[in-house]
Amino acid sequence: MAFFKRYNGTTNARLVRVERTIWVLIYGGLLSVVVGSFLEQQEAQDASLFYQLGALAVGAGVVLIYVRSRMREKD
């Protein structure tokens, strides 16, 4: 018996689109925060924009995780 269940994904195009969007938002937001931390040393105003947009993207990704958990695949 395996410790983790194997997730084969879904064939529903709508659910696949939501799952991809979730990870793009989360990783893109985190990358934006990292870029903002590098820009902070030179342009503080630009860095705050990157921080805000990154936090907004990560927050949207987390909300979409909750939305995806409530969606069901129709047979």
C-alpha atoms as a PDB file:
ATOM      1  CA  MET A   1       0.000   0.000   0.000  1.00  0.00           C
ATOM      2  CA  ALA A   2       1.424   3.317  -1.065  1.00  0.00           C
ATOM      3  CA  PHE A   3       1.679   6.172   1.388  1.00  0.00           C
ATOM      4  CA  PHE A   4       0.275   8.705  -1.082  1.00  0.00           C
ATOM      5  CA  LYS A   5      -2.601   8.092  -3.418  1.00  0.00           C
ATOM      6  CA  ARG A   6      -1.747   8.537  -7.057  1.00  0.00           C
ATOM      7  CA  TYR A   7      -3.561  11.477  -8.610  1.00  0.00           C
ATOM      8  CA  ASN A   8      -4.191  10.872 -12.283  1.00  0.00           C
ATOM      9  CA  GLY A   9      -5.706  14.265 -12.818  1.00  0.00           C
ATOM     10  CA  THR A  10      -8.961  15.036 -14.496  1.00  0.00           C
ATOM     11  CA  THR A  11     -10.145  15.064 -18.063  1.00  0.00           C
ATOM     12  CA  ASN A  12     -12.579  17.921 -17.464  1.00  0.00           C
ATOM     13  CA  ALA A  13     -11.121  20.925 -19.319  1.00  0.00           C
ATOM     14  CA  ARG A  14     -12.641  23.439 -16.902  1.00  0.00           C
ATOM     15  CA  LEU A  15     -11.037  21.809 -13.865  1.00  0.00           C
ATOM     16  CA  VAL A  16      -7.667  21.492 -15.608  1.00  0.00           C
ATOM     17  CA  ARG A  17      -7.785  25.206 -16.466  1.00  0.00           C
ATOM     18  CA  VAL A  18      -8.523  26.110 -12.836  1.00  0.00           C
ATOM     19  CA  GLU A  19      -5.712  23.892 -11.551  1.00  0.00           C
ATOM     20  CA  ARG A  20      -3.197  25.427 -13.944  1.00  0.00           C
ATOM     21  CA  THR A  21      -4.336  28.949 -13.097  1.00  0.00           C
ATOM     22  CA  ILE A  22      -3.909  28.246  -9.386  1.00  0.00           C
ATOM     23  CA  TRP A  23      -0.262  27.305  -9.716  1.00  0.00           C
ATOM     24  CA  VAL A  24       0.547  30.057 -12.186  1.00  0.00           C
ATOM     25  CA  LEU A  25      -0.871  32.632  -9.762  1.00  0.00           C
ATOM     26  CA  ILE A  26       0.906  31.218  -6.716  1.00  0.00           C
ATOM     27  CA  TYR A  27       4.320  30.763  -8.305  1.00  0.00           C
ATOM     28  CA  GLY A  28       4.059  33.985 -10.296  1.00  0.00           C
ATOM     29  CA  GLY A  29       3.117  35.897  -7.156  1.00  0.00           C
ATOM     30  CA  LEU A  30       6.007  34.437  -5.186  1.00  0.00           C
ATOM     31  CA  LEU A  31       8.397  35.259  -8.025  1.00  0.00           C
ATOM     32  CA  SER A  32       7.068  38.817  -8.039  1.00  0.00           C
ATOM     33  CA  VAL A  33       7.750  39.153  -4.312  1.00  0.00           C
ATOM     34  CA  VAL A  34      11.322  37.898  -4.808  1.00  0.00           C
ATOM     35  CA  VAL A  35      11.893  40.368  -7.667  1.00  0.00           C
ATOM     36  CA  GLY A  36      10.492  43.116  -5.439  1.00  0.00           C
ATOM     37  CA  SER A  37      12.990  42.241  -2.725  1.00  0.00           C
ATOM     38  CA  PHE A  38      15.851  42.655  -5.208  1.00  0.00           C
ATOM     39  CA  LEU A  39      14.441  45.936  -6.504  1.00  0.00           C
ATOM     40  CA  GLU A  40      14.000  47.315  -2.997  1.00  0.00           C
ATOM     41  CA  GLN A  41      17.655  48.247  -2.815  1.00  0.00           C
ATOM     42  CA  GLN A  42      17.427  50.513  -5.856  1.00  0.00           C
ATOM     43  CA  GLU A  43      13.831  51.566  -6.455  1.00  0.00           C
ATOM     44  CA  ALA A  44      11.674  51.403  -3.337  1.00  0.00           C
ATOM     45  CA  GLN A  45       8.511  52.587  -5.097  1.00  0.00           C
ATOM     46  CA  ASP A  46       8.754  49.888  -7.784  1.00  0.00           C
ATOM     47  CA  ALA A  47       9.484  47.270  -5.143  1.00  0.00           C
ATOM     48  CA  SER A  48       6.297  48.057  -3.254  1.00  0.00           C
ATOM     49  CA  LEU A  49       4.322  47.592  -6.474  1.00  0.00           C
ATOM     50  CA  PHE A  50       5.887  44.159  -6.959  1.00  0.00           C
ATOM     51  CA  TYR A  51       5.123  43.256  -3.331  1.00  0.00           C
ATOM     52  CA  GLN A  52       1.491  44.283  -3.673  1.00  0.00           C
ATOM     53  CA  LEU A  53       0.906  42.567  -7.011  1.00  0.00           C
ATOM     54  CA  GLY A  54       2.671  39.425  -5.809  1.00  0.00           C
ATOM     55  CA  ALA A  55       0.638  39.265  -2.628  1.00  0.00           C
ATOM     56  CA  LEU A  56      -2.556  39.800  -4.614  1.00  0.00           C
ATOM     57  CA  ALA A  57      -1.663  36.967  -7.006  1.00  0.00           C
ATOM     58  CA  VAL A  58      -0.792  34.560  -4.184  1.00  0.00           C
ATOM     59  CA  GLY A  59      -4.029  35.465  -2.399  1.00  0.00           C
ATOM     60  CA  ALA A  60      -6.044  34.835  -5.563  1.00  0.00           C
ATOM     61  CA  GLY A  61      -4.324  31.470  -5.953  1.00  0.00           C
ATOM     62  CA  VAL A  62      -5.197  30.468  -2.403  1.00  0.00           C
ATOM     63  CA  VAL A  63      -8.816  31.477  -2.938  1.00  0.00           C
ATOM     64  CA  LEU A  64      -8.893  29.411  -6.132  1.00  0.00           C
ATOM     65  CA  ILE A  65      -7.593  26.392  -4.189  1.00  0.00           C
ATOM     66  CA  TYR A  66     -10.657  26.674  -1.973  1.00  0.00           C
ATOM     67  CA  VAL A  67     -12.937  27.131  -4.996  1.00  0.00           C
ATOM     68  CA  ARG A  68     -11.377  24.098  -6.703  1.00  0.00           C
ATOM     69  CA  SER A  69     -11.894  21.984  -3.595  1.00  0.00           C
ATOM     70  CA  ARG A  70     -15.635  22.678  -3.843  1.00  0.00           C
ATOM     71  CA  MET A  71     -15.881  21.854  -7.552  1.00  0.00           C
ATOM     72  CA  ARG A  72     -16.919  18.352  -8.565  1.00  0.00           C
ATOM     73  CA  GLU A  73     -16.147  16.478 -11.725  1.00  0.00           C
ATOM     74  CA  LYS A  74     -19.331  15.599 -13.530  1.00  0.00           C
ATOM     75  CA  ASP A  75     -19.394  12.087 -14.919  1.00  0.00           C
END
